[in-house]
Structures are given as C-alpha cells and as structure tokens.
N, C-alpha and C. Protein backbone atom coordinates (compact mmCIF):
# COMPACT_ATOMS: atom_id res chain seq x y z
N MET A 1 5.42 -4.01 -5.90
CA MET A 1 4.50 -2.99 -6.32
C MET A 1 4.05 -3.25 -7.74
N SER A 2 4.97 -3.57 -8.64
CA SER A 2 4.57 -3.78 -10.03
C SER A 2 3.68 -5.01 -10.17
N LEU A 3 3.89 -6.05 -9.35
CA LEU A 3 3.01 -7.21 -9.38
C LEU A 3 1.60 -6.83 -8.95
N PHE A 4 1.49 -5.97 -7.96
CA PHE A 4 0.18 -5.51 -7.50
C PHE A 4 -0.50 -4.73 -8.62
N ALA A 5 0.23 -3.82 -9.27
CA ALA A 5 -0.33 -3.04 -10.38
C ALA A 5 -0.73 -3.95 -11.53
N GLN A 6 0.06 -4.97 -11.81
CA GLN A 6 -0.29 -5.92 -12.87
C GLN A 6 -1.57 -6.67 -12.52
N GLY A 7 -1.72 -7.05 -11.26
CA GLY A 7 -2.94 -7.73 -10.82
C GLY A 7 -4.16 -6.84 -10.97
N LEU A 8 -4.03 -5.57 -10.61
CA LEU A 8 -5.14 -4.64 -10.79
C LEU A 8 -5.49 -4.49 -12.27
N ALA A 9 -4.47 -4.32 -13.09
CA ALA A 9 -4.70 -4.15 -14.53
C ALA A 9 -5.36 -5.38 -15.13
N ALA A 10 -4.99 -6.56 -14.66
CA ALA A 10 -5.57 -7.81 -15.18
C ALA A 10 -7.05 -7.92 -14.81
N SER A 11 -7.46 -7.22 -13.76
CA SER A 11 -8.87 -7.27 -13.36
C SER A 11 -9.63 -6.04 -13.85
N ASN A 12 -9.12 -5.43 -14.92
CA ASN A 12 -9.74 -4.26 -15.56
C ASN A 12 -9.82 -3.04 -14.65
N THR A 13 -8.91 -2.95 -13.71
CA THR A 13 -8.76 -1.76 -12.89
C THR A 13 -7.57 -0.99 -13.45
N LYS A 14 -7.69 0.31 -13.55
CA LYS A 14 -6.62 1.11 -14.14
C LYS A 14 -5.77 1.74 -13.04
N PRO A 15 -4.67 1.09 -12.67
CA PRO A 15 -3.82 1.66 -11.63
C PRO A 15 -3.06 2.88 -12.15
N CYS A 16 -2.92 3.87 -11.31
CA CYS A 16 -2.13 5.06 -11.64
C CYS A 16 -0.79 4.90 -10.95
N VAL A 17 0.22 4.61 -11.72
CA VAL A 17 1.57 4.42 -11.21
C VAL A 17 2.45 5.46 -11.89
N ASP A 18 3.30 6.11 -11.12
CA ASP A 18 4.09 7.21 -11.68
C ASP A 18 4.81 6.85 -12.98
N VAL A 19 5.40 5.68 -13.05
CA VAL A 19 6.18 5.32 -14.24
C VAL A 19 5.32 5.10 -15.47
N THR A 20 4.02 4.89 -15.29
CA THR A 20 3.14 4.69 -16.45
C THR A 20 2.25 5.89 -16.72
N HIS A 21 2.14 6.84 -15.78
CA HIS A 21 1.24 7.97 -15.96
C HIS A 21 1.94 9.32 -16.09
N LEU A 22 3.23 9.34 -16.01
CA LEU A 22 3.96 10.60 -16.15
C LEU A 22 4.91 10.52 -17.34
N GLU A 23 4.96 11.59 -18.07
CA GLU A 23 5.90 11.70 -19.17
C GLU A 23 7.22 12.27 -18.64
N PRO A 24 8.34 11.92 -19.28
CA PRO A 24 9.60 12.51 -18.84
C PRO A 24 9.51 14.04 -18.85
N GLY A 25 9.96 14.65 -17.80
CA GLY A 25 9.95 16.10 -17.70
C GLY A 25 8.74 16.67 -16.97
N GLN A 26 7.68 15.90 -16.81
CA GLN A 26 6.53 16.41 -16.06
C GLN A 26 6.90 16.55 -14.60
N GLU A 27 6.33 17.55 -13.97
CA GLU A 27 6.61 17.78 -12.56
C GLU A 27 5.61 17.01 -11.72
N TRP A 28 6.09 15.95 -11.09
CA TRP A 28 5.25 15.03 -10.33
C TRP A 28 4.47 15.75 -9.23
N GLU A 29 5.13 16.65 -8.54
CA GLU A 29 4.49 17.31 -7.41
C GLU A 29 3.26 18.12 -7.85
N GLN A 30 3.32 18.71 -9.03
CA GLN A 30 2.18 19.47 -9.55
C GLN A 30 1.06 18.54 -10.01
N ARG A 31 1.38 17.34 -10.49
CA ARG A 31 0.38 16.40 -10.99
C ARG A 31 -0.22 15.54 -9.89
N LEU A 32 0.44 15.51 -8.75
CA LEU A 32 0.02 14.65 -7.65
C LEU A 32 -1.44 14.84 -7.24
N PRO A 33 -1.89 16.06 -6.95
CA PRO A 33 -3.30 16.21 -6.55
C PRO A 33 -4.28 15.72 -7.63
N HIS A 34 -3.97 15.94 -8.87
CA HIS A 34 -4.84 15.49 -9.97
C HIS A 34 -4.94 13.97 -10.00
N HIS A 35 -3.82 13.28 -9.93
CA HIS A 35 -3.82 11.82 -10.01
C HIS A 35 -4.48 11.18 -8.79
N ILE A 36 -4.16 11.66 -7.61
CA ILE A 36 -4.75 11.09 -6.40
C ILE A 36 -6.24 11.45 -6.34
N GLY A 37 -6.58 12.69 -6.66
CA GLY A 37 -7.96 13.13 -6.62
C GLY A 37 -8.85 12.42 -7.63
N GLY A 38 -8.27 11.93 -8.72
CA GLY A 38 -9.03 11.23 -9.74
C GLY A 38 -9.14 9.74 -9.48
N SER A 39 -8.65 9.29 -8.34
CA SER A 39 -8.65 7.85 -8.02
C SER A 39 -9.81 7.50 -7.10
N ASP A 40 -10.27 6.28 -7.23
CA ASP A 40 -11.28 5.75 -6.31
C ASP A 40 -10.63 5.25 -5.03
N VAL A 41 -9.42 4.70 -5.18
CA VAL A 41 -8.70 4.11 -4.05
C VAL A 41 -7.24 4.55 -4.12
N PHE A 42 -6.70 4.94 -2.97
CA PHE A 42 -5.28 5.23 -2.85
C PHE A 42 -4.66 4.06 -2.11
N TYR A 43 -3.92 3.21 -2.83
CA TYR A 43 -3.25 2.07 -2.21
C TYR A 43 -1.88 2.53 -1.72
N LEU A 44 -1.66 2.41 -0.44
CA LEU A 44 -0.39 2.79 0.17
C LEU A 44 0.42 1.53 0.39
N MET A 45 1.45 1.34 -0.41
CA MET A 45 2.33 0.19 -0.27
C MET A 45 3.30 0.49 0.87
N TRP A 46 3.07 -0.16 2.03
CA TRP A 46 3.78 0.19 3.26
C TRP A 46 4.95 -0.74 3.51
N SER A 47 6.13 -0.15 3.68
CA SER A 47 7.36 -0.89 3.92
C SER A 47 8.34 0.02 4.67
N ASP A 48 9.49 -0.51 5.02
CA ASP A 48 10.53 0.33 5.64
C ASP A 48 10.91 1.47 4.71
N HIS A 49 11.05 1.16 3.42
CA HIS A 49 11.42 2.18 2.44
C HIS A 49 10.34 3.26 2.35
N ALA A 50 9.08 2.84 2.30
CA ALA A 50 7.97 3.81 2.21
C ALA A 50 7.93 4.69 3.45
N ALA A 51 8.14 4.10 4.62
CA ALA A 51 8.08 4.85 5.87
C ALA A 51 9.15 5.94 5.93
N ALA A 52 10.27 5.72 5.24
CA ALA A 52 11.38 6.68 5.25
C ALA A 52 11.36 7.64 4.06
N SER A 53 10.44 7.46 3.13
CA SER A 53 10.43 8.24 1.89
C SER A 53 9.68 9.56 2.03
N PRO A 54 10.35 10.67 1.74
CA PRO A 54 9.63 11.95 1.76
C PRO A 54 8.56 12.03 0.66
N TRP A 55 8.76 11.32 -0.45
CA TRP A 55 7.76 11.31 -1.52
C TRP A 55 6.51 10.55 -1.10
N VAL A 56 6.68 9.45 -0.42
CA VAL A 56 5.52 8.70 0.07
C VAL A 56 4.77 9.56 1.09
N GLU A 57 5.49 10.28 1.92
CA GLU A 57 4.83 11.17 2.88
C GLU A 57 4.01 12.23 2.14
N ARG A 58 4.57 12.83 1.10
CA ARG A 58 3.82 13.84 0.33
C ARG A 58 2.56 13.23 -0.29
N GLU A 59 2.71 12.06 -0.87
CA GLU A 59 1.57 11.40 -1.50
C GLU A 59 0.50 11.06 -0.47
N THR A 60 0.90 10.50 0.66
CA THR A 60 -0.10 10.11 1.67
C THR A 60 -0.75 11.33 2.29
N ARG A 61 -0.01 12.39 2.49
CA ARG A 61 -0.61 13.61 3.05
C ARG A 61 -1.62 14.21 2.07
N GLU A 62 -1.33 14.14 0.79
CA GLU A 62 -2.29 14.61 -0.22
C GLU A 62 -3.53 13.72 -0.20
N ALA A 63 -3.35 12.42 -0.12
CA ALA A 63 -4.49 11.50 -0.06
C ALA A 63 -5.32 11.74 1.19
N ILE A 64 -4.67 11.99 2.34
CA ILE A 64 -5.39 12.27 3.59
C ILE A 64 -6.18 13.56 3.45
N LYS A 65 -5.57 14.57 2.87
CA LYS A 65 -6.27 15.86 2.69
C LYS A 65 -7.55 15.65 1.88
N LEU A 66 -7.46 14.88 0.82
CA LEU A 66 -8.65 14.59 0.00
C LEU A 66 -9.63 13.71 0.74
N TYR A 67 -9.13 12.70 1.45
CA TYR A 67 -9.96 11.77 2.21
C TYR A 67 -10.80 12.51 3.25
N GLU A 68 -10.20 13.50 3.88
CA GLU A 68 -10.88 14.24 4.94
C GLU A 68 -11.79 15.34 4.41
N SER A 69 -11.82 15.53 3.11
CA SER A 69 -12.70 16.53 2.51
C SER A 69 -14.13 15.99 2.46
N THR A 70 -15.04 16.85 2.06
CA THR A 70 -16.44 16.43 1.95
C THR A 70 -16.79 15.98 0.54
N ASP A 71 -15.82 15.92 -0.34
CA ASP A 71 -16.07 15.49 -1.71
C ASP A 71 -16.54 14.03 -1.72
N PRO A 72 -17.71 13.76 -2.28
CA PRO A 72 -18.20 12.37 -2.29
C PRO A 72 -17.35 11.44 -3.16
N LYS A 73 -16.53 12.00 -4.04
CA LYS A 73 -15.67 11.18 -4.90
C LYS A 73 -14.25 11.06 -4.36
N ARG A 74 -14.07 11.39 -3.10
CA ARG A 74 -12.73 11.31 -2.52
C ARG A 74 -12.26 9.86 -2.49
N PRO A 75 -10.95 9.64 -2.64
CA PRO A 75 -10.45 8.26 -2.65
C PRO A 75 -10.44 7.62 -1.27
N ARG A 76 -10.75 6.32 -1.23
CA ARG A 76 -10.53 5.54 -0.01
C ARG A 76 -9.02 5.33 0.13
N ILE A 77 -8.57 5.11 1.32
CA ILE A 77 -7.14 4.85 1.57
C ILE A 77 -7.01 3.43 2.09
N VAL A 78 -6.21 2.63 1.37
CA VAL A 78 -6.03 1.23 1.73
C VAL A 78 -4.53 0.93 1.85
N PRO A 79 -4.03 0.82 3.09
CA PRO A 79 -2.63 0.44 3.26
C PRO A 79 -2.43 -1.04 2.93
N ILE A 80 -1.34 -1.34 2.26
CA ILE A 80 -0.96 -2.72 1.95
C ILE A 80 0.45 -2.91 2.50
N THR A 81 0.55 -3.72 3.54
CA THR A 81 1.83 -3.96 4.21
C THR A 81 2.62 -4.97 3.39
N LEU A 82 3.83 -4.60 3.00
CA LEU A 82 4.64 -5.43 2.11
C LEU A 82 5.55 -6.42 2.83
N HIS A 83 5.83 -6.18 4.10
CA HIS A 83 6.68 -7.11 4.84
C HIS A 83 6.38 -6.99 6.32
N GLY A 84 6.79 -7.98 7.04
CA GLY A 84 6.65 -7.97 8.49
C GLY A 84 8.01 -8.19 9.12
N PRO A 85 8.31 -7.65 10.25
CA PRO A 85 7.46 -6.70 10.92
C PRO A 85 7.44 -5.37 10.15
N ALA A 86 6.28 -4.77 10.10
CA ALA A 86 6.11 -3.51 9.36
C ALA A 86 6.46 -2.34 10.27
N PRO A 87 6.95 -1.27 9.66
CA PRO A 87 7.22 -0.08 10.48
C PRO A 87 5.92 0.52 10.99
N GLU A 88 5.99 1.16 12.11
CA GLU A 88 4.83 1.82 12.70
C GLU A 88 4.41 2.98 11.78
N PRO A 89 3.14 3.09 11.46
CA PRO A 89 2.71 4.23 10.63
C PRO A 89 2.76 5.53 11.44
N PRO A 90 2.97 6.65 10.75
CA PRO A 90 2.99 7.93 11.46
C PRO A 90 1.60 8.27 12.01
N ALA A 91 1.54 9.22 12.92
CA ALA A 91 0.30 9.57 13.61
C ALA A 91 -0.83 9.90 12.64
N TYR A 92 -0.53 10.59 11.55
CA TYR A 92 -1.60 11.00 10.63
C TYR A 92 -2.19 9.82 9.85
N LEU A 93 -1.58 8.64 9.94
CA LEU A 93 -2.12 7.44 9.27
C LEU A 93 -2.66 6.40 10.25
N LYS A 94 -2.59 6.68 11.54
CA LYS A 94 -2.98 5.69 12.56
C LYS A 94 -4.45 5.29 12.47
N GLN A 95 -5.29 6.10 11.87
CA GLN A 95 -6.72 5.76 11.79
C GLN A 95 -7.00 4.60 10.84
N PHE A 96 -6.01 4.23 10.01
CA PHE A 96 -6.20 3.17 9.04
C PHE A 96 -5.58 1.86 9.54
N HIS A 97 -6.24 0.77 9.24
CA HIS A 97 -5.79 -0.56 9.64
C HIS A 97 -4.62 -1.00 8.75
N PHE A 98 -3.49 -1.35 9.36
CA PHE A 98 -2.30 -1.73 8.61
C PHE A 98 -1.99 -3.22 8.68
N ASP A 99 -2.62 -3.97 9.57
CA ASP A 99 -2.31 -5.39 9.70
C ASP A 99 -2.77 -6.14 8.45
N SER A 100 -1.91 -6.92 7.89
CA SER A 100 -2.20 -7.63 6.66
C SER A 100 -2.54 -9.09 6.93
N PRO A 101 -3.75 -9.52 6.58
CA PRO A 101 -4.06 -10.94 6.73
C PRO A 101 -3.22 -11.81 5.80
N TRP A 102 -2.79 -11.26 4.69
CA TRP A 102 -1.98 -12.02 3.72
C TRP A 102 -0.59 -12.27 4.28
N LEU A 103 0.00 -11.26 4.93
CA LEU A 103 1.32 -11.47 5.55
C LEU A 103 1.22 -12.46 6.69
N ALA A 104 0.15 -12.39 7.47
CA ALA A 104 -0.04 -13.34 8.56
C ALA A 104 -0.16 -14.76 8.01
N GLN A 105 -0.86 -14.90 6.90
CA GLN A 105 -1.01 -16.23 6.29
C GLN A 105 0.33 -16.73 5.77
N ARG A 106 1.10 -15.86 5.11
CA ARG A 106 2.42 -16.26 4.61
C ARG A 106 3.33 -16.65 5.76
N ALA A 107 3.28 -15.91 6.86
CA ALA A 107 4.12 -16.24 8.02
C ALA A 107 3.70 -17.58 8.61
N ALA A 108 2.40 -17.81 8.68
CA ALA A 108 1.90 -19.09 9.21
C ALA A 108 2.31 -20.25 8.32
N GLN A 109 2.33 -20.06 7.02
CA GLN A 109 2.70 -21.13 6.10
C GLN A 109 4.19 -21.46 6.17
N SER A 110 4.98 -20.53 6.66
CA SER A 110 6.43 -20.78 6.73
C SER A 110 6.81 -21.61 7.96
N VAL A 111 5.89 -21.81 8.87
CA VAL A 111 6.15 -22.59 10.07
C VAL A 111 5.46 -23.94 9.93
N PRO A 112 6.22 -25.04 9.98
CA PRO A 112 5.58 -26.35 9.85
C PRO A 112 4.68 -26.65 11.04
N LEU A 113 3.60 -27.35 10.76
CA LEU A 113 2.67 -27.74 11.83
C LEU A 113 3.29 -28.78 12.75
N PHE A 114 4.07 -29.67 12.17
CA PHE A 114 4.69 -30.73 12.94
C PHE A 114 6.19 -30.69 12.71
N HIS A 115 6.94 -30.82 13.76
CA HIS A 115 8.39 -30.84 13.65
C HIS A 115 8.85 -32.29 13.60
N PRO A 116 9.70 -32.64 12.63
CA PRO A 116 10.14 -34.03 12.50
C PRO A 116 10.78 -34.58 13.78
N GLU A 117 11.52 -33.73 14.49
CA GLU A 117 12.18 -34.24 15.71
C GLU A 117 11.19 -34.47 16.83
N ALA A 118 9.98 -33.94 16.72
CA ALA A 118 8.94 -34.16 17.75
C ALA A 118 8.17 -35.45 17.49
N ARG A 119 8.35 -36.06 16.36
CA ARG A 119 7.62 -37.27 16.01
C ARG A 119 8.15 -38.45 16.81
N ARG A 120 7.28 -39.25 17.34
CA ARG A 120 7.70 -40.40 18.14
C ARG A 120 7.07 -41.66 17.55
N ASP A 121 7.88 -42.57 17.19
CA ASP A 121 7.39 -43.86 16.69
C ASP A 121 7.34 -44.83 17.87
N HIS A 122 6.23 -45.45 18.03
CA HIS A 122 6.09 -46.43 19.13
C HIS A 122 5.98 -47.80 18.59
C-alpha cells in the first residue's frame, strides 16, 4: 500500500492515506466521509486482510454511498487486487472489476516458457 501511495505522490497525485492525513486523537470515522468525498478516486486495496476488515468495509460502503449519489464530483472506485487468488468481493462491490492485469502478468512471468527437462538435443 505504501509503495502505491509513493507512486501516486511521485506523479503529483495527492493520496489520502490515514497515517498521513489524520492527527493523533482525531476520530477517523467522523473524518471518513470528508476524506472520501473530497477524492477523485477511491482506490480499494483488495486482499484477504481487506476482505476481513470491518474498517475496509466501512470505507468501501461510504465510497459506494457517494459513488451512487448524483454528485458530479463523486469519486470513482478502483479496486486494486494485491494478491492472487483474491478473495471474492462482497455483493455490494460486485459491480466493479477486480481482475488485475498486473497480477496476471506477474503470475505469467513466474512460469518459464520452456522447461529444461523438456529440451531434447538431437
């Protein structure tokens, strides 16, 4: 997640990450609608941990509520799958595409095209 945020920051995009946008003692749940509502894109970092997290559920439900509004400045929702196989998204997120071309490429690169034991010298 921090590498993704660093990449966004390096491209002059201002990522809103809890550890950089909240002061100690601030109540995250009260600030959540403000931070998500002020974003152009809500990146959902999807993993086993995220799928089991009640905080990720709260954040995504807030993003969905804003996404489904008529506000023209509502954030887009972009899931980013962090590992494969990825957990199945809950029903309220099924409308979004979760398959990652980057994970598919990484998986493909981990499999050699030719196996040394299949090589035959004649």
